[in-house]
Amino acid sequence: MIKLGMIAAVLSIAGFVLTFAPFTSIAGWLQNYTVLAAGILCVIASLVLAIRSIIKKETGLLKFLPFVLLLPILYFAINFVSIMGAV
């Protein structure tokens, strides 16, 4: 059986990539707000699964990866105006 920590880590990495994708210079379908919403949902799901794996006391360190990847997302959200400019 796959551990919840592993699923949380994969969802967290996918959410991290999808959250920052609309703000990159890649043209195409990645610059869509539905991609941003999917990334935010992946991050929220990974946090829920990480908390469930901590409550179940699973072994391994991958269950803490969603919390580590949440730091750059929070930094970007807090400093969005100063990074992107007042557009």
N, C-alpha and C. Protein backbone atom coordinates (compact mmCIF):
# COMPACT_ATOMS: atom_id res chain seq x y z
N MET A 1 0.83 -1.18 0.00
CA MET A 1 0.00 0.00 0.00
C MET A 1 0.88 1.25 0.00
N ILE A 2 0.49 2.23 -0.78
CA ILE A 2 1.25 3.47 -0.85
C ILE A 2 0.93 4.31 0.38
N LYS A 3 1.95 4.88 0.97
CA LYS A 3 1.76 5.69 2.17
C LYS A 3 1.19 7.06 1.81
N LEU A 4 0.49 7.62 2.76
CA LEU A 4 -0.10 8.95 2.55
C LEU A 4 0.97 10.02 2.40
N GLY A 5 2.11 9.82 3.07
CA GLY A 5 3.21 10.79 2.95
C GLY A 5 3.75 10.88 1.54
N MET A 6 3.82 9.73 0.85
CA MET A 6 4.30 9.73 -0.53
C MET A 6 3.31 10.44 -1.46
N ILE A 7 2.03 10.18 -1.28
CA ILE A 7 1.01 10.86 -2.10
C ILE A 7 1.03 12.36 -1.81
N ALA A 8 1.20 12.72 -0.55
CA ALA A 8 1.26 14.14 -0.18
C ALA A 8 2.47 14.81 -0.82
N ALA A 9 3.61 14.11 -0.88
CA ALA A 9 4.80 14.69 -1.48
C ALA A 9 4.62 14.91 -2.98
N VAL A 10 4.03 13.94 -3.65
CA VAL A 10 3.80 14.07 -5.10
C VAL A 10 2.81 15.19 -5.39
N LEU A 11 1.73 15.25 -4.62
CA LEU A 11 0.75 16.32 -4.80
C LEU A 11 1.36 17.69 -4.49
N SER A 12 2.24 17.72 -3.52
CA SER A 12 2.87 18.99 -3.16
C SER A 12 3.79 19.50 -4.27
N ILE A 13 4.55 18.61 -4.86
CA ILE A 13 5.43 19.01 -5.97
C ILE A 13 4.60 19.45 -7.18
N ALA A 14 3.55 18.70 -7.48
CA ALA A 14 2.67 19.09 -8.60
C ALA A 14 2.00 20.43 -8.33
N GLY A 15 1.54 20.63 -7.11
CA GLY A 15 0.92 21.90 -6.76
C GLY A 15 1.89 23.06 -6.80
N PHE A 16 3.14 22.80 -6.39
CA PHE A 16 4.17 23.84 -6.43
C PHE A 16 4.43 24.28 -7.87
N VAL A 17 4.54 23.32 -8.77
CA VAL A 17 4.79 23.65 -10.18
C VAL A 17 3.59 24.35 -10.80
N LEU A 18 2.39 23.84 -10.53
CA LEU A 18 1.20 24.43 -11.13
C LEU A 18 0.86 25.80 -10.55
N THR A 19 1.25 26.04 -9.29
CA THR A 19 0.97 27.33 -8.68
C THR A 19 1.81 28.44 -9.30
N PHE A 20 3.06 28.13 -9.62
CA PHE A 20 3.93 29.15 -10.19
C PHE A 20 3.91 29.20 -11.71
N ALA A 21 3.27 28.24 -12.36
CA ALA A 21 3.28 28.17 -13.83
C ALA A 21 2.65 29.38 -14.51
N PRO A 22 1.53 29.93 -14.04
CA PRO A 22 0.96 31.09 -14.75
C PRO A 22 1.83 32.34 -14.69
N PHE A 23 2.80 32.39 -13.78
CA PHE A 23 3.63 33.57 -13.62
C PHE A 23 4.97 33.45 -14.32
N THR A 24 5.18 32.38 -15.09
CA THR A 24 6.43 32.21 -15.83
C THR A 24 6.26 32.73 -17.25
N SER A 25 7.33 32.68 -18.00
CA SER A 25 7.29 33.19 -19.38
C SER A 25 6.92 32.10 -20.38
N ILE A 26 6.48 30.94 -19.90
CA ILE A 26 6.09 29.86 -20.81
C ILE A 26 4.74 30.22 -21.42
N ALA A 27 4.67 30.21 -22.74
CA ALA A 27 3.42 30.54 -23.41
C ALA A 27 2.56 29.29 -23.54
N GLY A 28 1.29 29.48 -23.65
CA GLY A 28 0.39 28.36 -23.87
C GLY A 28 -0.59 28.16 -22.75
N TRP A 29 -0.99 26.92 -22.57
CA TRP A 29 -2.07 26.60 -21.65
C TRP A 29 -1.67 26.77 -20.18
N LEU A 30 -0.38 26.90 -19.89
CA LEU A 30 0.05 27.06 -18.50
C LEU A 30 -0.26 28.45 -17.95
N GLN A 31 -0.53 29.42 -18.82
CA GLN A 31 -0.84 30.76 -18.35
C GLN A 31 -2.35 30.95 -18.25
N ASN A 32 -2.97 30.06 -17.53
CA ASN A 32 -4.41 30.08 -17.36
C ASN A 32 -4.71 30.02 -15.86
N TYR A 33 -5.75 30.68 -15.45
CA TYR A 33 -6.06 30.70 -14.02
C TYR A 33 -6.64 29.38 -13.53
N THR A 34 -7.14 28.54 -14.42
CA THR A 34 -7.57 27.22 -13.99
C THR A 34 -6.38 26.37 -13.56
N VAL A 35 -5.23 26.60 -14.18
CA VAL A 35 -4.01 25.90 -13.76
C VAL A 35 -3.61 26.36 -12.38
N LEU A 36 -3.75 27.65 -12.11
CA LEU A 36 -3.45 28.18 -10.78
C LEU A 36 -4.40 27.58 -9.73
N ALA A 37 -5.67 27.48 -10.07
CA ALA A 37 -6.63 26.89 -9.14
C ALA A 37 -6.34 25.42 -8.90
N ALA A 38 -5.95 24.69 -9.95
CA ALA A 38 -5.60 23.28 -9.77
C ALA A 38 -4.36 23.14 -8.89
N GLY A 39 -3.40 24.04 -9.03
CA GLY A 39 -2.21 24.02 -8.19
C GLY A 39 -2.53 24.28 -6.74
N ILE A 40 -3.41 25.23 -6.49
CA ILE A 40 -3.80 25.53 -5.11
C ILE A 40 -4.56 24.36 -4.50
N LEU A 41 -5.41 23.70 -5.28
CA LEU A 41 -6.12 22.52 -4.78
C LEU A 41 -5.16 21.38 -4.48
N CYS A 42 -4.14 21.20 -5.31
CA CYS A 42 -3.12 20.16 -5.05
C CYS A 42 -2.36 20.46 -3.77
N VAL A 43 -2.03 21.71 -3.54
CA VAL A 43 -1.31 22.07 -2.31
C VAL A 43 -2.18 21.83 -1.09
N ILE A 44 -3.45 22.21 -1.16
CA ILE A 44 -4.35 22.00 -0.02
C ILE A 44 -4.54 20.50 0.24
N ALA A 45 -4.71 19.72 -0.83
CA ALA A 45 -4.86 18.27 -0.66
C ALA A 45 -3.60 17.64 -0.08
N SER A 46 -2.44 18.12 -0.50
CA SER A 46 -1.20 17.57 0.04
C SER A 46 -1.03 17.91 1.52
N LEU A 47 -1.46 19.10 1.92
CA LEU A 47 -1.39 19.46 3.34
C LEU A 47 -2.33 18.59 4.18
N VAL A 48 -3.52 18.32 3.66
CA VAL A 48 -4.47 17.47 4.38
C VAL A 48 -3.91 16.05 4.53
N LEU A 49 -3.35 15.52 3.44
CA LEU A 49 -2.77 14.18 3.50
C LEU A 49 -1.55 14.12 4.40
N ALA A 50 -0.76 15.18 4.41
CA ALA A 50 0.41 15.22 5.29
C ALA A 50 -0.01 15.24 6.75
N ILE A 51 -1.04 15.99 7.06
CA ILE A 51 -1.54 16.02 8.45
C ILE A 51 -2.10 14.66 8.84
N ARG A 52 -2.82 14.00 7.92
CA ARG A 52 -3.34 12.66 8.21
C ARG A 52 -2.21 11.66 8.42
N SER A 53 -1.12 11.78 7.64
CA SER A 53 0.00 10.85 7.82
C SER A 53 0.75 11.10 9.12
N ILE A 54 0.78 12.35 9.56
CA ILE A 54 1.40 12.65 10.86
C ILE A 54 0.54 12.09 11.98
N ILE A 55 -0.78 12.22 11.85
CA ILE A 55 -1.68 11.69 12.87
C ILE A 55 -1.58 10.16 12.94
N LYS A 56 -1.44 9.51 11.77
CA LYS A 56 -1.31 8.05 11.74
C LYS A 56 0.09 7.57 12.16
N LYS A 57 1.02 8.52 12.36
CA LYS A 57 2.40 8.24 12.77
C LYS A 57 3.12 7.33 11.78
N GLU A 58 3.03 7.69 10.48
CA GLU A 58 3.75 6.95 9.46
C GLU A 58 5.24 7.26 9.57
N THR A 59 6.04 6.31 9.15
CA THR A 59 7.48 6.52 9.17
C THR A 59 7.91 7.28 7.92
N GLY A 60 9.09 7.86 7.97
CA GLY A 60 9.63 8.56 6.82
C GLY A 60 9.55 10.07 6.97
N LEU A 61 10.33 10.73 6.14
CA LEU A 61 10.39 12.19 6.20
C LEU A 61 9.63 12.88 5.07
N LEU A 62 9.11 12.11 4.11
CA LEU A 62 8.40 12.72 2.98
C LEU A 62 7.11 13.40 3.41
N LYS A 63 6.57 13.01 4.55
CA LYS A 63 5.33 13.63 5.00
C LYS A 63 5.51 15.09 5.38
N PHE A 64 6.75 15.52 5.58
CA PHE A 64 7.01 16.92 5.93
C PHE A 64 7.31 17.79 4.71
N LEU A 65 7.43 17.20 3.53
CA LEU A 65 7.73 17.96 2.31
C LEU A 65 6.66 19.00 1.97
N PRO A 66 5.36 18.72 2.13
CA PRO A 66 4.37 19.77 1.82
C PRO A 66 4.53 21.02 2.67
N PHE A 67 4.96 20.85 3.91
CA PHE A 67 5.14 22.02 4.78
C PHE A 67 6.37 22.83 4.35
N VAL A 68 7.39 22.15 3.87
CA VAL A 68 8.59 22.84 3.39
C VAL A 68 8.30 23.59 2.09
N LEU A 69 7.55 22.97 1.19
CA LEU A 69 7.23 23.62 -0.08
C LEU A 69 6.16 24.70 0.07
N LEU A 70 5.51 24.75 1.22
CA LEU A 70 4.53 25.81 1.46
C LEU A 70 5.22 27.15 1.72
N LEU A 71 6.45 27.12 2.21
CA LEU A 71 7.16 28.36 2.54
C LEU A 71 7.38 29.27 1.33
N PRO A 72 7.91 28.76 0.18
CA PRO A 72 8.06 29.68 -0.97
C PRO A 72 6.73 30.17 -1.52
N ILE A 73 5.68 29.35 -1.43
CA ILE A 73 4.37 29.77 -1.92
C ILE A 73 3.84 30.91 -1.05
N LEU A 74 3.99 30.78 0.26
CA LEU A 74 3.56 31.86 1.15
C LEU A 74 4.38 33.12 0.94
N TYR A 75 5.68 32.97 0.74
CA TYR A 75 6.53 34.14 0.48
C TYR A 75 6.09 34.85 -0.79
N PHE A 76 5.79 34.09 -1.84
CA PHE A 76 5.35 34.67 -3.10
C PHE A 76 3.99 35.35 -2.93
N ALA A 77 3.09 34.74 -2.18
CA ALA A 77 1.76 35.33 -1.99
C ALA A 77 1.83 36.61 -1.16
N ILE A 78 2.69 36.64 -0.15
CA ILE A 78 2.81 37.82 0.69
C ILE A 78 3.45 38.98 -0.07
N ASN A 79 4.46 38.70 -0.87
CA ASN A 79 5.19 39.74 -1.57
C ASN A 79 4.81 39.84 -3.05
N PHE A 80 3.59 39.49 -3.39
CA PHE A 80 3.18 39.47 -4.79
C PHE A 80 3.27 40.83 -5.45
N VAL A 81 2.84 41.86 -4.77
CA VAL A 81 2.85 43.21 -5.36
C VAL A 81 4.27 43.70 -5.58
N SER A 82 5.16 43.46 -4.63
CA SER A 82 6.53 43.95 -4.80
C SER A 82 7.31 43.11 -5.82
N ILE A 83 6.94 41.86 -6.01
CA ILE A 83 7.63 41.02 -7.01
C ILE A 83 7.14 41.32 -8.41
N MET A 84 5.82 41.33 -8.60
CA MET A 84 5.24 41.50 -9.93
C MET A 84 5.02 42.97 -10.29
N GLY A 85 5.03 43.84 -9.33
CA GLY A 85 4.74 45.24 -9.61
C GLY A 85 3.25 45.49 -9.54
N ALA A 86 2.90 46.71 -9.33
CA ALA A 86 1.48 47.06 -9.25
C ALA A 86 0.91 47.16 -10.64
N VAL A 87 0.45 46.04 -11.17
CA VAL A 87 -0.06 45.99 -12.55
C VAL A 87 -1.54 46.28 -12.56
